[in-house]
Structures are given as C-alpha cells and as structure tokens.
Amino acid sequence: MAVYDLYRKNEEALFLEKVRELLWSLPPPYGEKRTGRPLYNPRGMAMIALLKMKLKMDYRSLESRLRARRDLLKIMGLDEAPSKSTIHLSLKKEDA
C-alpha cells in the first residue's frame, strides 16, 4: 500500500492525535457542571467540533462516523459517541 493510501486511511486519527496534544495543554473550553447528567469530556467535545469542521459533516453523519470508529473515540478520551443533539449543544456552549 502506498504511503498516501496509508495516510488517507488514518487521516482522521492523525489529525485528532495532533489536536489532542494541543487541547490537553490548554484549560478545558468550559467547566463541569455540578448537577444533572455528567457531561462528556469538554476537551473531547472540542475535538469533535474541530473534526466536524475539518470533515464538513452534518451532525447526524458525524454521530454515525463516531459510532463506527471507536478508535477515534479512544483518542478523544470518550467512552461512547455523543448524540447529534449533544454535539450540537456542545458547539453552542463553546461559542458562548
């Protein structure tokens, strides 16, 4: 397999590994709340936001991609893929 083909296959994982190095060196984009259901990792959700922008995907497609690619969730520090609604709300929170 050519080097280019290997890169294309692992492009998302390589991108997220670089983003992880950067985001984990910074404070979380928003704080944890004290009541209600526990939040997804704020840094992991920021990584999802960046991945969404890079891939130019809608929320539903991104949710499906994350459910199919458990390796990406592991890189982001998430145990499970958030729903499309959770991704949307997280992006709104990061804009505020």
Protein backbone atom coordinates (compact mmCIF):
# COMPACT_ATOMS: atom_id res chain seq x y z
CA MET A 1 0.00 0.00 0.00
CA ALA A 2 1.38 3.43 -0.92
CA VAL A 3 2.26 5.98 1.75
CA TYR A 4 -0.53 8.24 0.53
CA ASP A 5 -3.10 5.46 0.90
CA LEU A 6 -1.94 4.77 4.46
CA TYR A 7 -2.23 8.46 5.30
CA ARG A 8 -5.71 8.76 3.81
CA LYS A 9 -6.84 5.73 5.81
CA ASN A 10 -5.56 7.17 9.08
CA GLU A 11 -6.03 10.87 8.34
CA GLU A 12 -8.75 11.41 10.95
CA ALA A 13 -6.80 9.59 13.67
CA LEU A 14 -3.59 11.51 12.87
CA PHE A 15 -5.49 14.80 12.92
CA LEU A 16 -7.10 14.01 16.28
CA GLU A 17 -3.80 12.92 17.84
CA LYS A 18 -2.26 16.31 16.96
CA VAL A 19 -5.34 18.17 18.18
CA ARG A 20 -5.26 16.15 21.42
CA GLU A 21 -1.66 17.23 22.10
CA LEU A 22 -2.72 20.85 21.74
CA LEU A 23 -6.03 20.73 23.63
CA TRP A 24 -4.70 18.79 26.60
CA SER A 25 -2.05 21.51 27.08
CA LEU A 26 -4.81 24.14 27.48
CA PRO A 27 -7.56 24.59 30.09
CA PRO A 28 -10.91 22.96 29.20
CA PRO A 29 -13.14 25.08 26.92
CA TYR A 30 -15.90 25.06 29.55
CA GLY A 31 -16.30 23.81 33.12
CA GLU A 32 -18.01 20.78 34.54
CA LYS A 33 -21.49 21.30 35.96
CA ARG A 34 -22.40 20.10 39.43
CA THR A 35 -25.95 18.84 38.85
CA GLY A 36 -27.71 16.69 36.29
CA ARG A 37 -26.26 14.10 33.97
CA PRO A 38 -22.44 14.09 33.83
CA LEU A 39 -21.02 15.91 30.83
CA TYR A 40 -18.90 14.40 28.13
CA ASN A 41 -15.25 15.38 28.45
CA PRO A 42 -15.12 19.07 27.36
CA ARG A 43 -11.81 18.58 25.54
CA GLY A 44 -13.21 15.55 23.73
CA MET A 45 -16.22 17.58 22.65
CA ALA A 46 -13.90 20.35 21.41
CA MET A 47 -12.09 17.71 19.36
CA ILE A 48 -15.42 16.63 17.87
CA ALA A 49 -16.12 20.27 16.95
CA LEU A 50 -12.79 20.52 15.13
CA LEU A 51 -13.35 17.19 13.40
CA LYS A 52 -16.80 18.39 12.28
CA MET A 53 -15.25 21.50 10.74
CA LYS A 54 -12.45 19.54 9.06
CA LEU A 55 -14.76 16.92 7.55
CA LYS A 56 -17.59 19.40 6.79
CA MET A 57 -20.17 16.90 8.05
CA ASP A 58 -23.64 17.44 9.41
CA TYR A 59 -24.42 16.34 12.98
CA ARG A 60 -26.15 13.11 12.01
CA SER A 61 -23.30 11.97 9.75
CA LEU A 62 -20.71 12.87 12.37
CA GLU A 63 -22.58 10.88 15.03
CA SER A 64 -22.65 7.86 12.70
CA ARG A 65 -18.95 8.19 11.91
CA LEU A 66 -18.06 8.33 15.61
CA ARG A 67 -20.22 5.30 16.42
CA ALA A 68 -18.46 3.34 13.68
CA ARG A 69 -14.95 4.50 14.59
CA ARG A 70 -14.36 3.55 18.24
CA ASP A 71 -10.64 4.23 17.71
CA LEU A 72 -11.42 7.92 17.26
CA LEU A 73 -13.43 7.99 20.50
CA LYS A 74 -10.47 6.48 22.34
CA ILE A 75 -8.16 9.21 21.03
CA MET A 76 -10.69 11.84 22.19
CA GLY A 77 -10.96 10.30 25.64
CA LEU A 78 -14.64 9.40 25.23
CA ASP A 79 -16.24 6.08 26.17
CA GLU A 80 -19.18 6.42 23.80
CA ALA A 81 -20.22 8.60 20.89
CA PRO A 82 -22.39 11.56 21.84
CA SER A 83 -25.71 12.02 20.06
CA LYS A 84 -26.14 14.59 17.32
CA SER A 85 -28.11 16.76 19.77
CA THR A 86 -25.32 16.62 22.34
CA ILE A 87 -22.76 17.58 19.70
CA HIS A 88 -24.95 20.50 18.62
CA LEU A 89 -25.46 21.74 22.20
CA SER A 90 -21.76 21.41 22.91
CA LEU A 91 -20.89 23.57 19.90
CA LYS A 92 -23.38 26.21 21.05
CA LYS A 93 -21.78 26.13 24.51
CA GLU A 94 -18.29 26.62 23.07
CA ASP A 95 -19.49 29.63 21.05
CA ALA A 96 -20.81 31.36 24.18
